[in-house]
Amino acid sequence: MKKVIIINGPNLNLLGKREPEIYGANTFEDFFNELKQTYKTIALSYFQSNIEGELINKLHEVGFNFDGVVLNAAAYTHTSVAIADAVKGIETPVVEVHISNVHAREAFRHKSYLAANAKGVISGFGLQSYNLAIQSFL
């Protein structure tokens, strides 16, 4: 059975409450339960933190024994060389995801430090961006 983890960064714990016009009205926990029902043949796990170092530690922890990482580093995508280095340093392939189309938003969101080290980038399909990322590991 393939092992895939979804790692979410800062403020994504507020999904369903924060800016629903951009991020939707569903909580991530509800969506994650739907994903687990859709992908019963995958050992799917989930981690969220607002703390950069905790995201790096989780990447290090899973980066040599999982089959895939779906990473939404949120604002850290555009600021964190350290998370980019962690993605580069692990063996497990990482797909960078974003709920919104970051290229249709503020200019600072157009730059990703992670993308060069990721297997791919999926942006702008709402929560279905995660679904597409998981499919890339099948």
Protein backbone atom coordinates (compact mmCIF):
# COMPACT_ATOMS: atom_id res chain seq x y z
CA MET A 1 0.00 0.00 0.00
CA LYS A 2 1.35 3.40 -0.99
CA LYS A 3 1.95 5.94 1.78
CA VAL A 4 1.11 9.55 0.94
CA ILE A 5 1.04 12.47 3.36
CA ILE A 6 -0.57 15.87 2.96
CA ILE A 7 1.40 18.60 4.73
CA ASN A 8 -0.30 21.97 5.15
CA GLY A 9 1.40 25.15 6.28
CA PRO A 10 0.33 28.32 8.07
CA ASN A 11 -3.27 29.43 8.35
CA LEU A 12 -4.66 26.39 6.55
CA ASN A 13 -6.08 25.27 9.88
CA LEU A 14 -8.56 28.13 9.32
CA LEU A 15 -10.07 26.67 6.15
CA GLY A 16 -13.82 27.01 6.27
CA LYS A 17 -13.50 30.23 8.29
CA ARG A 18 -10.79 32.28 6.57
CA GLU A 19 -11.68 34.10 3.35
CA PRO A 20 -14.28 31.59 2.14
CA GLU A 21 -14.58 33.48 -1.15
CA ILE A 22 -11.00 32.36 -1.91
CA TYR A 23 -10.63 29.13 0.05
CA GLY A 24 -14.19 27.80 0.26
CA ALA A 25 -16.47 26.96 3.18
CA ASN A 26 -15.24 23.41 3.96
CA THR A 27 -12.81 22.60 6.73
CA PHE A 28 -9.75 20.68 5.69
CA GLU A 29 -10.57 17.92 8.17
CA ASP A 30 -13.92 17.30 6.43
CA PHE A 31 -12.23 17.29 3.04
CA PHE A 32 -9.48 14.96 4.30
CA ASN A 33 -12.12 12.47 5.48
CA GLU A 34 -13.59 12.56 1.94
CA LEU A 35 -10.13 11.90 0.48
CA LYS A 36 -9.64 8.90 2.77
CA GLN A 37 -12.93 7.47 1.51
CA THR A 38 -11.93 8.08 -2.12
CA TYR A 39 -8.43 6.60 -1.77
CA LYS A 40 -9.00 3.54 0.40
CA THR A 41 -6.03 1.76 -1.19
CA ILE A 42 -3.59 4.47 -0.02
CA ALA A 43 -2.31 4.97 3.51
CA LEU A 44 -3.16 8.66 3.57
CA SER A 45 -2.06 10.86 6.45
CA TYR A 46 -2.24 14.55 7.26
CA PHE A 47 -0.13 17.10 9.13
CA GLN A 48 -0.62 20.84 9.56
CA SER A 49 1.52 23.43 11.30
CA ASN A 50 1.84 27.19 11.41
CA ILE A 51 5.51 26.79 12.37
CA GLU A 52 8.19 26.59 9.66
CA GLY A 53 10.53 24.32 11.62
CA GLU A 54 7.77 21.81 12.32
CA LEU A 55 7.05 21.57 8.59
CA ILE A 56 10.75 20.95 7.93
CA ASN A 57 10.92 18.31 10.67
CA LYS A 58 7.89 16.51 9.18
CA LEU A 59 9.46 16.55 5.70
CA HIS A 60 12.63 15.03 7.17
CA GLU A 61 10.58 12.42 9.05
CA VAL A 62 8.61 11.18 6.01
CA GLY A 63 11.04 12.05 3.25
CA PHE A 64 12.76 8.68 3.02
CA ASN A 65 9.95 6.20 3.67
CA PHE A 66 6.78 7.63 2.06
CA ASP A 67 5.76 7.33 -1.59
CA GLY A 68 4.58 10.92 -1.91
CA VAL A 69 4.18 14.25 -0.19
CA VAL A 70 1.45 16.71 -1.10
CA LEU A 71 2.74 20.02 0.25
CA ASN A 72 0.82 23.25 0.60
CA ALA A 73 3.40 25.40 2.36
CA ALA A 74 1.01 28.36 2.07
CA ALA A 75 2.83 31.70 2.55
CA TYR A 76 6.11 29.85 3.24
CA THR A 77 6.07 28.87 -0.45
CA HIS A 78 7.08 32.43 -1.27
CA THR A 79 9.52 33.03 1.58
CA SER A 80 11.19 29.87 2.84
CA VAL A 81 14.53 28.81 1.44
CA ALA A 82 14.70 26.40 4.39
CA ILE A 83 11.58 24.47 3.31
CA ALA A 84 12.84 24.48 -0.28
CA ASP A 85 16.12 22.96 0.95
CA ALA A 86 14.18 20.33 2.93
CA VAL A 87 12.21 19.36 -0.20
CA LYS A 88 15.46 19.15 -2.16
CA GLY A 89 17.13 17.07 0.56
CA ILE A 90 14.59 14.25 0.77
CA GLU A 91 14.03 11.31 -1.57
CA THR A 92 10.22 11.22 -1.48
CA PRO A 93 8.71 13.15 -4.40
CA VAL A 94 6.80 16.29 -3.42
CA VAL A 95 3.92 17.91 -5.29
CA GLU A 96 3.40 21.57 -4.40
CA VAL A 97 -0.26 22.49 -4.22
CA HIS A 98 -2.26 25.68 -3.78
CA ILE A 99 -5.99 26.06 -3.36
CA SER A 100 -6.12 29.41 -5.12
CA ASN A 101 -4.48 30.41 -8.39
CA VAL A 102 -1.45 32.13 -6.88
CA HIS A 103 -0.65 33.77 -10.23
CA ALA A 104 -3.97 35.62 -10.16
CA ARG A 105 -3.15 37.08 -6.75
CA GLU A 106 -0.58 39.51 -5.34
CA ALA A 107 2.76 39.68 -7.17
CA PHE A 108 4.75 38.30 -4.21
CA ARG A 109 2.77 35.05 -4.53
CA HIS A 110 4.04 34.48 -8.07
CA LYS A 111 7.45 33.27 -6.84
CA SER A 112 7.79 29.79 -5.36
CA TYR A 113 11.01 28.75 -3.70
CA LEU A 114 9.73 25.15 -3.65
CA ALA A 115 8.74 24.61 -7.28
CA ALA A 116 12.23 23.91 -8.63
CA ASN A 117 12.58 20.98 -6.24
CA ALA A 118 9.05 19.62 -6.59
CA LYS A 119 7.78 16.84 -8.85
CA GLY A 120 5.13 19.31 -10.00
CA VAL A 121 2.92 22.24 -9.03
CA ILE A 122 -0.89 22.30 -8.97
CA SER A 123 -2.60 25.62 -8.34
CA GLY A 124 -6.05 27.10 -8.58
CA PHE A 125 -8.41 24.12 -8.48
CA GLY A 126 -9.68 24.69 -4.96
CA LEU A 127 -9.44 21.70 -2.65
CA GLN A 128 -9.41 19.49 -5.74
CA SER A 129 -5.75 20.54 -6.16
CA TYR A 130 -5.01 17.95 -3.45
CA ASN A 131 -6.96 15.28 -5.29
CA LEU A 132 -4.98 15.94 -8.47
CA ALA A 133 -1.72 15.75 -6.54
CA ILE A 134 -2.64 12.40 -5.00
CA GLN A 135 -3.55 11.06 -8.43
CA SER A 136 -0.05 11.95 -9.64
CA PHE A 137 1.34 9.33 -7.24
CA LEU A 138 -0.88 6.52 -8.55
